[in-house]
Amino acid sequence: MAVWDDLVGQEKVEEQLAAAARDADTFVTAHAAGEPVPEASKMTHAWLFTGPPGSGRDTAARAFAAALQCVSPDRALGGAPGCGFCDGCHTALIGTHADVEVVRTDLLSIGVKDTRELVRRAQLSPAGGRWQVIVLEDADRLTEGAANVLLKAVEEPAPRTVWLLCAPSLEDVLPTIRSRCRHLTLRTPSVAAVADVLIRRDGIEPERARFAAAATQGHIDRARRLATDERARARRAVVLKLPLRVGDIGGGLRAAQELVDAAAEDAKQVAEEIDVKETEELKAALGAAQGGRMPRGTAGAMKDLEDRQKRRRTRTQRDSLDLALSDLIGFYRDVLALQLRATTPLANEDTRDAIERIAEDTAPERTLRRIEAILACRESLDRNVAPLLAVEAMTMALRD
């Protein structure tokens, strides 16, 4: 299995990355042998992967990182790097390669301190691999100060260091950084392509795979979760009942409260799974006494951990709400499709009755205003508006 097999519906991007990996392999091989390095190359030191959620930005970056570390002997016989089986490919893909650093955050932002540590690592020569590769999955979450720290490293890279940045769009990255990166745009994969992956790779039964792929409109990770997690299906069913509950003020406010409470419960579950383990590990590392008493001077470290855990709960709640809002947008998109007599298949075929009822009772202009209200709610959450306030404003707007 080649490293590109997990890229779904991204043939053009795969072709470009494979060509760059071949040139990168030629560069390292020639350099090691003391031979002249070809001047013309599709390889560069900084890449920016953009695309909508679920398009596979992170997957493309990790696959490219693996191809850059490929040590398959078939390369000497004309084989393309990125075999997927050799030690370089395998360890890069599972996250244990010494020269591949994958950075993702469960917080709202990436700060200067963490970015400086990345830049320091980027200046090192590869420990044993062919390249030093830094995969920054959440480049859009860099603070302004952190982005300026990163800019210096991208401007003056070490000879065999490669930066792979991922963000939803070009606008999410500083112009000075994106101008120094080679840009690749990924598209949302087709519903059929996502369903095929779920069936072929994850062993999901065809009917459920097609349902999940259609309901999530090509978002691979969400489709996999919807197909395999009963709780995710139950939560989606509750969310898609909301349009029928906002007919009066009381119903809209209750629906908003339930939506926020469900997101808070998600955050609580994540905290229960991770926070206790993190706290105990830190206490042990700091030398806590058997009775739990902490040594002097460790209160600051414990406070930092508590702050980090609080920020993670905030992001988990926000991500859960955003998922619900995405489902709502999909619902009203189906309503609009029926109103405009479009031939596009419904994403939420299992709720066709509710979709048809709302489509018959309202005009397309009203449906568009409702979609705009949901998008406004997402923007409010991004601006740190209190979740309940933002969702209540949305449910009131859905009544209009």
Protein backbone atom coordinates (compact mmCIF):
# COMPACT_ATOMS: atom_id res chain seq x y z
CA MET A 1 0.00 0.00 0.00
CA ALA A 2 1.55 3.30 -1.10
CA VAL A 3 1.53 6.27 1.27
CA TRP A 4 -0.94 8.05 -1.04
CA ASP A 5 -3.69 5.44 -0.65
CA ASP A 6 -5.42 7.36 2.15
CA LEU A 7 -5.73 10.47 -0.02
CA VAL A 8 -9.31 10.45 -1.28
CA GLY A 9 -10.26 12.25 -4.47
CA GLN A 10 -7.03 14.31 -4.63
CA GLU A 11 -5.40 12.96 -7.80
CA LYS A 12 -3.85 16.28 -8.85
CA VAL A 13 -2.34 16.91 -5.42
CA GLU A 14 -1.04 13.34 -5.26
CA GLU A 15 0.65 13.77 -8.64
CA GLN A 16 2.38 16.98 -7.54
CA LEU A 17 3.57 15.54 -4.24
CA ALA A 18 4.82 12.33 -5.85
CA ALA A 19 6.86 14.36 -8.35
CA ALA A 20 8.33 16.49 -5.55
CA ALA A 21 9.17 13.36 -3.53
CA ARG A 22 11.06 11.93 -6.51
CA ASP A 23 13.09 15.13 -6.91
CA ALA A 24 13.73 15.23 -3.15
CA ASP A 25 15.00 11.65 -3.27
CA THR A 26 17.28 12.50 -6.19
CA PHE A 27 18.65 15.50 -4.27
CA VAL A 28 19.51 13.51 -1.12
CA THR A 29 20.98 10.58 -3.07
CA ALA A 30 23.16 12.85 -5.20
CA HIS A 31 24.26 14.89 -2.18
CA ALA A 32 25.25 11.75 -0.26
CA ALA A 33 27.27 10.47 -3.21
CA GLY A 34 29.01 13.80 -3.72
CA GLU A 35 27.49 14.15 -7.16
CA PRO A 36 26.08 17.35 -8.70
CA VAL A 37 22.57 18.12 -7.52
CA PRO A 38 20.06 18.78 -10.33
CA GLU A 39 18.99 22.43 -10.43
CA ALA A 40 15.49 21.99 -11.79
CA SER A 41 13.32 20.50 -9.03
CA LYS A 42 9.69 20.31 -8.00
CA MET A 43 10.82 20.11 -4.38
CA THR A 44 10.87 23.11 -2.05
CA HIS A 45 11.45 23.68 1.66
CA ALA A 46 7.96 24.93 2.63
CA TRP A 47 4.50 23.77 1.62
CA LEU A 48 1.02 25.02 2.48
CA PHE A 49 -1.92 22.60 2.25
CA THR A 50 -5.34 24.25 2.23
CA GLY A 51 -8.83 22.89 1.75
CA PRO A 52 -12.22 22.62 3.46
CA PRO A 53 -12.63 20.51 6.61
CA GLY A 54 -12.53 16.82 5.78
CA SER A 55 -10.62 17.25 2.53
CA GLY A 56 -7.56 15.49 3.95
CA ARG A 57 -5.04 18.31 4.42
CA ASP A 58 -3.34 16.55 7.33
CA THR A 59 -3.41 13.20 5.54
CA ALA A 60 -1.70 14.70 2.48
CA ALA A 61 1.00 16.33 4.62
CA ARG A 62 1.72 13.12 6.56
CA ALA A 63 1.80 11.07 3.36
CA PHE A 64 4.29 13.51 1.83
CA ALA A 65 6.41 13.37 4.99
CA ALA A 66 6.48 9.59 4.71
CA ALA A 67 7.45 9.70 1.04
CA LEU A 68 10.34 12.05 1.86
CA GLN A 69 11.64 9.49 4.40
CA CYS A 70 11.17 6.46 2.13
CA VAL A 71 14.17 4.08 2.14
CA SER A 72 12.73 1.34 -0.05
CA PRO A 73 15.46 -0.38 -2.13
CA ASP A 74 13.09 -0.25 -5.09
CA ARG A 75 13.98 3.42 -5.52
CA ALA A 76 17.33 2.41 -6.98
CA LEU A 77 15.47 0.37 -9.59
CA GLY A 78 13.26 3.26 -10.63
CA GLY A 79 10.53 2.81 -8.05
CA ALA A 80 8.82 5.93 -6.71
CA PRO A 81 9.42 6.94 -3.08
CA GLY A 82 6.44 6.41 -0.80
CA CYS A 83 6.14 2.63 -0.89
CA GLY A 84 4.28 2.56 2.43
CA PHE A 85 6.09 -0.59 3.64
CA CYS A 86 9.67 0.38 4.42
CA ASP A 87 10.80 1.50 7.86
CA GLY A 88 10.92 5.17 6.81
CA CYS A 89 7.37 5.20 5.44
CA HIS A 90 5.89 3.08 8.22
CA THR A 91 7.34 5.02 11.15
CA ALA A 92 6.48 8.37 9.55
CA LEU A 93 2.87 7.33 9.04
CA ILE A 94 2.36 6.02 12.58
CA GLY A 95 4.13 8.99 14.17
CA THR A 96 7.32 7.41 15.54
CA HIS A 97 9.91 8.59 13.01
CA ALA A 98 12.68 10.52 14.75
CA ASP A 99 12.85 13.13 11.98
CA VAL A 100 9.13 13.75 11.48
CA GLU A 101 7.49 16.09 14.00
CA VAL A 102 3.70 16.25 13.70
CA VAL A 103 2.25 19.22 15.58
CA ARG A 104 -1.47 19.38 16.33
CA THR A 105 -3.17 21.26 19.11
CA ASP A 106 -6.25 20.58 21.20
CA LEU A 107 -6.19 24.20 22.34
CA LEU A 108 -7.56 27.37 20.78
CA SER A 109 -4.15 28.64 19.64
CA ILE A 110 -0.45 27.87 19.27
CA GLY A 111 1.74 30.31 21.15
CA VAL A 112 5.21 31.78 20.80
CA LYS A 113 6.86 29.38 23.26
CA ASP A 114 5.80 26.23 21.42
CA THR A 115 6.68 27.76 18.04
CA ARG A 116 10.16 28.68 19.19
CA GLU A 117 10.76 25.06 20.17
CA LEU A 118 9.67 23.96 16.69
CA VAL A 119 12.00 26.47 15.06
CA ARG A 120 14.87 25.24 17.23
CA ARG A 121 14.22 21.68 16.14
CA ALA A 122 13.97 22.72 12.50
CA GLN A 123 17.59 23.92 12.59
CA LEU A 124 18.87 20.43 13.43
CA SER A 125 20.17 18.02 10.83
CA PRO A 126 18.19 14.80 10.34
CA ALA A 127 19.04 12.28 13.07
CA GLY A 128 18.83 9.30 10.76
CA GLY A 129 16.27 10.05 8.10
CA ARG A 130 16.65 11.77 4.78
CA TRP A 131 14.91 15.04 5.79
CA GLN A 132 13.90 16.90 8.94
CA VAL A 133 10.13 17.33 8.45
CA ILE A 134 7.85 19.53 10.54
CA VAL A 135 4.12 18.98 9.95
CA LEU A 136 2.08 21.83 11.46
CA GLU A 137 -1.53 20.65 11.20
CA ASP A 138 -3.10 23.78 12.71
CA ALA A 139 -1.17 26.63 11.12
CA ASP A 140 -4.33 28.73 11.24
CA ARG A 141 -4.19 28.62 15.07
CA LEU A 142 -0.83 30.37 15.31
CA THR A 143 -1.01 33.60 17.28
CA GLU A 144 0.39 36.68 15.55
CA GLY A 145 3.56 36.47 17.62
CA ALA A 146 3.97 32.77 16.90
CA ALA A 147 3.47 33.36 13.16
CA ASN A 148 6.23 35.96 13.19
CA VAL A 149 8.56 33.50 14.91
CA LEU A 150 7.76 30.89 12.27
CA LEU A 151 8.32 33.39 9.44
CA LYS A 152 12.02 33.65 10.24
CA ALA A 153 12.44 29.87 10.03
CA VAL A 154 10.56 29.65 6.73
CA GLU A 155 12.62 32.51 5.27
CA GLU A 156 15.96 30.95 6.21
CA PRO A 157 15.47 27.17 6.36
CA ALA A 158 18.12 24.61 7.19
CA PRO A 159 19.37 22.76 4.07
CA ARG A 160 17.40 19.54 4.69
CA THR A 161 14.40 20.82 6.65
CA VAL A 162 10.90 20.82 5.19
CA TRP A 163 7.92 22.68 6.64
CA LEU A 164 4.45 21.29 5.86
CA LEU A 165 1.74 23.72 6.99
CA CYS A 166 -2.00 22.97 6.96
CA ALA A 167 -4.84 25.50 7.13
CA PRO A 168 -8.43 25.80 5.88
CA SER A 169 -7.62 28.65 3.48
CA LEU A 170 -4.88 31.01 2.37
CA GLU A 171 -6.48 33.82 4.36
CA ASP A 172 -5.87 31.88 7.59
CA VAL A 173 -2.09 32.25 7.19
CA LEU A 174 -0.01 35.44 7.27
CA PRO A 175 0.68 36.74 3.74
CA THR A 176 4.42 36.82 4.49
CA ILE A 177 4.39 33.10 5.33
CA ARG A 178 2.16 31.89 2.52
CA SER A 179 4.22 33.82 -0.03
CA ARG A 180 7.21 31.65 0.92
CA CYS A 181 5.34 28.35 0.62
CA ARG A 182 4.30 26.24 -2.34
CA HIS A 183 0.52 26.14 -2.16
CA LEU A 184 -1.60 23.05 -2.76
CA THR A 185 -5.40 23.22 -2.66
CA LEU A 186 -7.38 20.11 -1.74
CA ARG A 187 -11.03 19.73 -2.63
CA THR A 188 -13.90 18.05 -0.84
CA PRO A 189 -13.93 14.41 -1.97
CA SER A 190 -17.05 13.06 -3.64
CA VAL A 191 -19.60 11.14 -1.58
CA ALA A 192 -18.93 8.02 -3.65
CA ALA A 193 -15.18 8.24 -3.03
CA VAL A 194 -15.64 8.58 0.75
CA ALA A 195 -18.09 5.70 0.85
CA ASP A 196 -15.64 3.54 -1.09
CA VAL A 197 -12.87 4.26 1.44
CA LEU A 198 -15.13 3.42 4.37
CA ILE A 199 -16.07 0.13 2.77
CA ARG A 200 -12.63 -0.84 1.50
CA ARG A 201 -10.37 0.35 4.31
CA ASP A 202 -12.60 0.38 7.39
CA GLY A 203 -14.77 -2.65 6.61
CA ILE A 204 -18.04 -0.73 7.07
CA GLU A 205 -21.11 -2.24 5.46
CA PRO A 206 -21.96 -0.51 2.14
CA GLU A 207 -25.38 0.87 3.11
CA ARG A 208 -24.11 2.50 6.30
CA ALA A 209 -21.00 3.79 4.52
CA ARG A 210 -23.07 5.49 1.83
CA PHE A 211 -25.41 6.99 4.43
CA ALA A 212 -22.49 8.41 6.46
CA ALA A 213 -20.69 9.75 3.39
CA ALA A 214 -23.83 11.50 2.14
CA ALA A 215 -24.79 12.89 5.56
CA THR A 216 -21.36 14.45 6.09
CA GLN A 217 -21.02 15.62 2.46
CA GLY A 218 -17.54 14.21 1.88
CA HIS A 219 -15.95 14.89 5.29
CA ILE A 220 -13.90 11.72 5.72
CA ASP A 221 -13.29 11.79 9.48
CA ARG A 222 -16.86 12.77 10.31
CA ALA A 223 -18.19 10.10 7.97
CA ARG A 224 -16.08 7.43 9.69
CA ARG A 225 -17.26 8.56 13.11
CA LEU A 226 -20.90 8.68 12.04
CA ALA A 227 -20.65 5.18 10.57
CA THR A 228 -18.97 3.63 13.60
CA ASP A 229 -20.24 5.58 16.64
CA GLU A 230 -23.83 5.08 17.79
CA ARG A 231 -23.61 8.18 20.00
CA ALA A 232 -22.67 10.31 17.00
CA ARG A 233 -25.71 9.06 15.08
CA ALA A 234 -27.99 9.71 18.06
CA ARG A 235 -26.64 13.24 18.52
CA ARG A 236 -27.06 14.01 14.82
CA ALA A 237 -30.68 12.83 14.99
CA VAL A 238 -31.35 15.23 17.87
CA VAL A 239 -29.71 18.15 16.05
CA LEU A 240 -31.76 17.58 12.90
CA LYS A 241 -34.97 17.79 14.91
CA LEU A 242 -34.14 21.37 15.93
CA PRO A 243 -35.66 23.03 12.81
CA LEU A 244 -39.06 21.64 13.84
CA ARG A 245 -38.71 22.89 17.43
CA VAL A 246 -38.04 26.58 16.86
CA GLY A 247 -41.61 27.54 15.96
CA ASP A 248 -42.10 29.32 19.28
CA ILE A 249 -39.73 31.23 21.55
CA GLY A 250 -39.83 28.68 24.35
CA GLY A 251 -39.06 25.79 22.04
CA GLY A 252 -36.17 27.69 20.45
CA LEU A 253 -34.60 28.56 23.79
CA ARG A 254 -34.94 25.00 25.06
CA ALA A 255 -33.36 23.66 21.87
CA ALA A 256 -30.45 26.09 22.24
CA GLN A 257 -29.88 25.05 25.85
CA GLU A 258 -29.91 21.36 24.92
CA LEU A 259 -27.44 21.95 22.09
CA VAL A 260 -25.00 23.76 24.38
CA ASP A 261 -25.46 21.19 27.15
CA ALA A 262 -24.67 18.35 24.74
CA ALA A 263 -21.49 20.11 23.64
CA ALA A 264 -20.50 20.66 27.28
CA GLU A 265 -21.08 16.96 27.96
CA ASP A 266 -18.74 16.10 25.10
CA ALA A 267 -16.07 18.33 26.65
CA LYS A 268 -16.65 16.74 30.03
CA GLN A 269 -16.21 13.23 28.63
CA VAL A 270 -12.93 14.18 26.98
CA ALA A 271 -11.76 15.74 30.24
CA GLU A 272 -12.62 12.63 32.22
CA GLU A 273 -10.62 10.50 29.81
CA ILE A 274 -7.52 12.69 29.63
CA ASP A 275 -7.31 15.19 32.49
CA VAL A 276 -6.94 12.71 35.36
CA LYS A 277 -4.22 10.80 33.56
CA GLU A 278 -2.32 14.00 32.69
CA THR A 279 -2.56 15.28 36.26
CA GLU A 280 -1.31 12.04 37.79
CA GLU A 281 1.56 11.82 35.33
CA LEU A 282 2.64 15.38 36.09
CA LYS A 283 2.43 14.80 39.83
CA ALA A 284 4.61 11.71 39.50
CA ALA A 285 7.13 13.60 37.34
CA LEU A 286 7.29 16.42 39.90
CA GLY A 287 7.92 13.95 42.72
CA ALA A 288 4.62 14.12 44.59
CA ALA A 289 4.65 12.29 47.93
CA GLN A 290 2.64 9.11 48.32
CA GLY A 291 -0.17 10.95 50.05
CA GLY A 292 -0.44 13.37 47.17
CA ARG A 293 1.47 16.23 48.76
CA MET A 294 3.35 18.27 46.18
CA PRO A 295 6.97 19.45 46.65
CA ARG A 296 7.65 23.14 47.06
CA GLY A 297 7.84 25.20 43.89
CA THR A 298 5.60 22.95 41.79
CA ALA A 299 2.37 24.94 42.11
CA GLY A 300 3.15 26.89 38.94
CA ALA A 301 3.47 23.73 36.84
CA MET A 302 0.18 22.40 38.17
CA LYS A 303 -1.53 25.73 37.46
CA ASP A 304 -0.21 25.70 33.87
CA LEU A 305 -1.65 22.22 33.37
CA GLU A 306 -5.04 23.26 34.77
CA ASP A 307 -5.12 26.28 32.43
CA ARG A 308 -4.25 24.08 29.47
CA GLN A 309 -6.98 21.59 30.37
CA LYS A 310 -9.51 24.41 30.69
CA ARG A 311 -8.61 25.74 27.23
CA ARG A 312 -8.91 22.23 25.80
CA ARG A 313 -12.41 21.84 27.27
CA THR A 314 -13.35 25.16 25.66
CA ARG A 315 -12.14 24.02 22.27
CA THR A 316 -13.82 20.61 22.59
CA GLN A 317 -17.14 22.29 23.36
CA ARG A 318 -16.70 24.69 20.46
CA ASP A 319 -15.80 21.86 18.06
CA SER A 320 -18.87 19.88 19.16
CA LEU A 321 -21.10 22.89 18.55
CA ASP A 322 -19.49 23.50 15.18
CA LEU A 323 -20.27 19.91 14.20
CA ALA A 324 -23.92 20.42 15.11
CA LEU A 325 -24.04 23.67 13.14
CA SER A 326 -22.57 21.88 10.11
CA ASP A 327 -25.39 19.33 10.32
CA LEU A 328 -27.94 22.15 10.47
CA ILE A 329 -26.47 23.83 7.41
CA GLY A 330 -26.72 20.51 5.58
CA PHE A 331 -30.38 20.24 6.58
CA TYR A 332 -31.30 23.68 5.24
CA ARG A 333 -29.19 23.06 2.13
CA ASP A 334 -31.50 20.11 1.42
CA VAL A 335 -34.53 22.33 2.04
CA LEU A 336 -33.19 24.84 -0.47
CA ALA A 337 -32.50 22.09 -3.01
CA LEU A 338 -36.13 20.98 -2.88
CA GLN A 339 -37.42 24.55 -3.08
CA LEU A 340 -35.31 25.22 -6.18
CA ARG A 341 -36.17 21.81 -7.65
CA ALA A 342 -32.49 20.95 -7.90
CA THR A 343 -31.49 17.46 -9.00
CA THR A 344 -28.84 17.21 -6.30
CA PRO A 345 -29.38 14.16 -4.03
CA LEU A 346 -30.38 15.00 -0.46
CA ALA A 347 -27.61 14.71 2.09
CA ASN A 348 -30.11 13.89 4.84
CA GLU A 349 -32.39 11.42 3.11
CA ASP A 350 -33.36 9.91 6.49
CA THR A 351 -35.09 13.20 7.44
CA ARG A 352 -36.82 13.78 4.09
CA ASP A 353 -40.27 14.20 5.69
CA ALA A 354 -39.14 17.12 7.84
CA ILE A 355 -37.20 18.65 4.96
CA GLU A 356 -40.22 18.46 2.64
CA ARG A 357 -42.51 19.97 5.28
CA ILE A 358 -40.28 23.01 5.80
CA ALA A 359 -39.63 23.36 2.06
CA GLU A 360 -43.37 23.54 1.37
CA ASP A 361 -44.10 26.01 4.16
CA THR A 362 -41.37 28.56 3.40
CA ALA A 363 -39.72 30.40 0.50
CA PRO A 364 -36.09 29.99 -0.67
CA GLU A 365 -35.28 33.51 0.55
CA ARG A 366 -36.24 32.53 4.08
CA THR A 367 -34.10 29.39 3.87
CA LEU A 368 -31.10 31.46 2.82
CA ARG A 369 -31.63 33.79 5.79
CA ARG A 370 -31.65 30.76 8.08
CA ILE A 371 -28.39 29.48 6.63
CA GLU A 372 -26.90 32.94 7.14
CA ALA A 373 -28.03 32.85 10.79
CA ILE A 374 -26.18 29.57 11.33
CA LEU A 375 -23.04 30.96 9.70
CA ALA A 376 -23.32 34.06 11.90
CA CYS A 377 -23.47 31.79 14.95
CA ARG A 378 -20.25 30.08 13.88
CA GLU A 379 -18.57 33.46 13.49
CA SER A 380 -19.77 34.51 16.94
CA LEU A 381 -18.29 31.38 18.48
CA ASP A 382 -14.99 32.11 16.72
CA ARG A 383 -15.04 35.56 18.36
CA ASN A 384 -15.46 33.92 21.80
CA VAL A 385 -19.08 34.94 22.29
CA ALA A 386 -20.66 32.90 25.11
CA PRO A 387 -21.92 29.67 23.46
CA LEU A 388 -25.44 29.84 24.92
CA LEU A 389 -25.87 33.47 23.86
CA ALA A 390 -24.69 32.73 20.31
CA VAL A 391 -26.89 29.64 19.90
CA GLU A 392 -29.96 31.35 21.38
CA ALA A 393 -29.53 34.21 18.91
CA MET A 394 -29.36 31.65 16.11
CA THR A 395 -32.48 29.75 17.17
CA MET A 396 -34.43 33.01 17.41
CA ALA A 397 -33.26 33.91 13.89
CA LEU A 398 -34.37 30.50 12.60
CA ARG A 399 -37.95 31.43 13.59
CA ASP A 400 -38.03 34.35 11.14
